[in-house]
């Protein structure tokens, strides 16, 4: 989704519940409990939304 050398539209899931987790994984956060530790902080949410902003065009 974040590889812009591949042309085409990008989309997220309809519910949006998992989008923050997907964004953090794409930003290099290991899976599992580490994602939830990052999301416990305001900076973690900012990190997720900054990553999501990169695919918004």
N, C-alpha and C. Protein backbone atom coordinates (compact mmCIF):
# COMPACT_ATOMS: atom_id res chain seq x y z
N UNK A 1 0.82 -1.19 0.00
CA UNK A 1 0.00 0.00 0.00
C UNK A 1 0.87 1.26 0.00
N UNK A 2 2.04 1.19 0.64
CA UNK A 2 2.87 2.38 0.73
C UNK A 2 3.97 2.41 -0.31
N UNK A 3 4.01 1.46 -1.21
CA UNK A 3 5.01 1.45 -2.28
C UNK A 3 4.44 2.21 -3.48
N UNK A 4 4.82 3.49 -3.59
CA UNK A 4 4.23 4.33 -4.63
C UNK A 4 4.87 4.14 -6.00
N UNK A 5 5.87 3.25 -6.08
CA UNK A 5 6.41 2.93 -7.40
C UNK A 5 5.44 2.03 -8.17
N UNK A 6 4.48 1.44 -7.46
CA UNK A 6 3.44 0.62 -8.09
C UNK A 6 2.22 1.51 -8.29
N UNK A 7 1.84 1.79 -9.52
CA UNK A 7 0.70 2.67 -9.76
C UNK A 7 -0.62 2.03 -9.35
N UNK A 8 -1.58 2.88 -9.05
CA UNK A 8 -2.92 2.39 -8.75
C UNK A 8 -3.50 3.04 -7.50
N UNK A 9 -4.76 2.77 -7.30
CA UNK A 9 -5.47 3.34 -6.15
C UNK A 9 -5.11 2.59 -4.88
N UNK A 10 -5.22 3.26 -3.76
CA UNK A 10 -5.00 2.66 -2.44
C UNK A 10 -6.32 2.69 -1.70
N UNK A 11 -6.55 1.70 -0.88
CA UNK A 11 -7.78 1.72 -0.08
C UNK A 11 -7.54 1.02 1.24
N UNK A 12 -8.39 1.33 2.20
CA UNK A 12 -8.34 0.73 3.52
C UNK A 12 -9.62 -0.06 3.74
N UNK A 13 -9.68 -0.75 4.84
CA UNK A 13 -10.88 -1.53 5.15
C UNK A 13 -12.06 -0.61 5.42
N UNK A 14 -13.25 -1.13 5.27
CA UNK A 14 -14.46 -0.32 5.48
C UNK A 14 -14.61 0.14 6.92
N UNK A 15 -14.35 -0.72 7.87
CA UNK A 15 -14.57 -0.38 9.27
C UNK A 15 -13.53 0.56 9.85
N UNK A 16 -12.30 0.46 9.40
CA UNK A 16 -11.26 1.34 9.88
C UNK A 16 -10.68 0.94 11.23
N UNK A 17 -11.17 -0.11 11.82
CA UNK A 17 -10.72 -0.52 13.15
C UNK A 17 -9.26 -0.94 13.16
N UNK A 18 -8.83 -1.62 12.12
CA UNK A 18 -7.48 -2.15 12.08
C UNK A 18 -6.48 -1.25 11.36
N UNK A 19 -6.93 -0.11 10.86
CA UNK A 19 -6.07 0.74 10.06
C UNK A 19 -4.88 1.27 10.84
N UNK A 20 -5.07 1.60 12.11
CA UNK A 20 -3.95 2.12 12.90
C UNK A 20 -2.90 1.04 13.10
N UNK A 21 -3.32 -0.20 13.29
CA UNK A 21 -2.37 -1.29 13.46
C UNK A 21 -1.61 -1.55 12.16
N UNK A 22 -2.30 -1.52 11.04
CA UNK A 22 -1.66 -1.72 9.74
C UNK A 22 -0.64 -0.60 9.49
N UNK A 23 -1.01 0.62 9.81
CA UNK A 23 -0.11 1.76 9.61
C UNK A 23 1.15 1.63 10.46
N UNK A 24 1.00 1.21 11.69
CA UNK A 24 2.17 1.06 12.55
C UNK A 24 3.06 -0.08 12.09
N UNK A 25 2.47 -1.17 11.62
CA UNK A 25 3.28 -2.26 11.07
C UNK A 25 4.06 -1.77 9.86
N UNK A 26 3.43 -0.96 9.02
CA UNK A 26 4.11 -0.41 7.85
C UNK A 26 5.20 0.57 8.25
N UNK A 27 5.09 1.15 9.44
CA UNK A 27 6.08 2.11 9.93
C UNK A 27 7.19 1.41 10.71
N UNK A 28 7.15 0.09 10.79
CA UNK A 28 8.24 -0.65 11.38
C UNK A 28 8.03 -1.16 12.79
N UNK A 29 6.84 -1.00 13.35
CA UNK A 29 6.57 -1.52 14.69
C UNK A 29 6.33 -3.02 14.58
N UNK A 30 7.01 -3.82 15.43
CA UNK A 30 6.77 -5.27 15.39
C UNK A 30 5.32 -5.59 15.76
N UNK A 31 4.84 -6.70 15.30
CA UNK A 31 3.46 -7.09 15.59
C UNK A 31 3.26 -7.51 17.03
N UNK A 32 2.06 -7.87 17.32
CA UNK A 32 1.72 -8.36 18.65
C UNK A 32 1.51 -7.25 19.65
N UNK A 33 1.91 -7.49 20.87
CA UNK A 33 1.67 -6.55 21.96
C UNK A 33 2.40 -5.22 21.79
N UNK A 34 3.48 -5.20 21.02
CA UNK A 34 4.24 -3.96 20.84
C UNK A 34 3.39 -2.87 20.22
N UNK A 35 2.51 -3.24 19.29
CA UNK A 35 1.64 -2.26 18.65
C UNK A 35 0.73 -1.60 19.70
N UNK A 36 0.21 -2.37 20.61
CA UNK A 36 -0.70 -1.82 21.62
C UNK A 36 0.05 -0.94 22.62
N UNK A 37 1.31 -1.26 22.88
CA UNK A 37 2.12 -0.40 23.74
C UNK A 37 2.34 0.95 23.08
N UNK A 38 2.58 0.93 21.77
CA UNK A 38 2.78 2.18 21.04
C UNK A 38 1.47 2.98 21.02
N UNK A 39 0.34 2.31 20.84
CA UNK A 39 -0.95 3.00 20.77
C UNK A 39 -1.43 3.51 22.13
N UNK A 40 -0.76 3.15 23.20
CA UNK A 40 -1.12 3.68 24.52
C UNK A 40 -0.65 5.11 24.71
N UNK A 41 0.16 5.62 23.78
CA UNK A 41 0.69 6.97 23.90
C UNK A 41 0.11 7.86 22.81
N UNK A 42 0.08 9.15 23.09
CA UNK A 42 -0.36 10.11 22.07
C UNK A 42 0.59 10.11 20.88
N UNK A 43 1.89 9.97 21.14
CA UNK A 43 2.86 9.93 20.05
C UNK A 43 2.65 8.71 19.15
N UNK A 44 2.20 7.61 19.74
CA UNK A 44 1.91 6.42 18.95
C UNK A 44 0.77 6.65 17.97
N UNK A 45 -0.27 7.33 18.44
CA UNK A 45 -1.39 7.65 17.55
C UNK A 45 -0.97 8.63 16.47
N UNK A 46 -0.15 9.61 16.84
CA UNK A 46 0.36 10.56 15.83
C UNK A 46 1.18 9.82 14.78
N UNK A 47 1.98 8.88 15.23
CA UNK A 47 2.80 8.08 14.31
C UNK A 47 1.91 7.30 13.34
N UNK A 48 0.85 6.71 13.84
CA UNK A 48 -0.07 5.96 12.97
C UNK A 48 -0.77 6.87 11.97
N UNK A 49 -1.27 8.01 12.44
CA UNK A 49 -1.97 8.92 11.53
C UNK A 49 -1.02 9.56 10.52
N UNK A 50 0.22 9.82 10.91
CA UNK A 50 1.19 10.35 9.95
C UNK A 50 1.45 9.35 8.84
N UNK A 51 1.51 8.07 9.19
CA UNK A 51 1.71 7.05 8.17
C UNK A 51 0.49 6.94 7.25
N UNK A 52 -0.70 7.02 7.84
CA UNK A 52 -1.93 6.98 7.02
C UNK A 52 -2.03 8.20 6.10
N UNK A 53 -1.54 9.35 6.57
CA UNK A 53 -1.57 10.56 5.72
C UNK A 53 -0.75 10.39 4.46
N UNK A 54 0.26 9.54 4.49
CA UNK A 54 1.11 9.37 3.32
C UNK A 54 0.39 8.71 2.16
N UNK A 55 -0.67 7.96 2.42
CA UNK A 55 -1.39 7.34 1.30
C UNK A 55 -2.60 8.15 0.86
N UNK A 56 -2.91 9.21 1.61
CA UNK A 56 -4.05 10.06 1.23
C UNK A 56 -3.60 10.99 0.13
N UNK A 57 -4.32 11.00 -0.96
CA UNK A 57 -3.99 11.86 -2.09
C UNK A 57 -5.22 12.50 -2.62
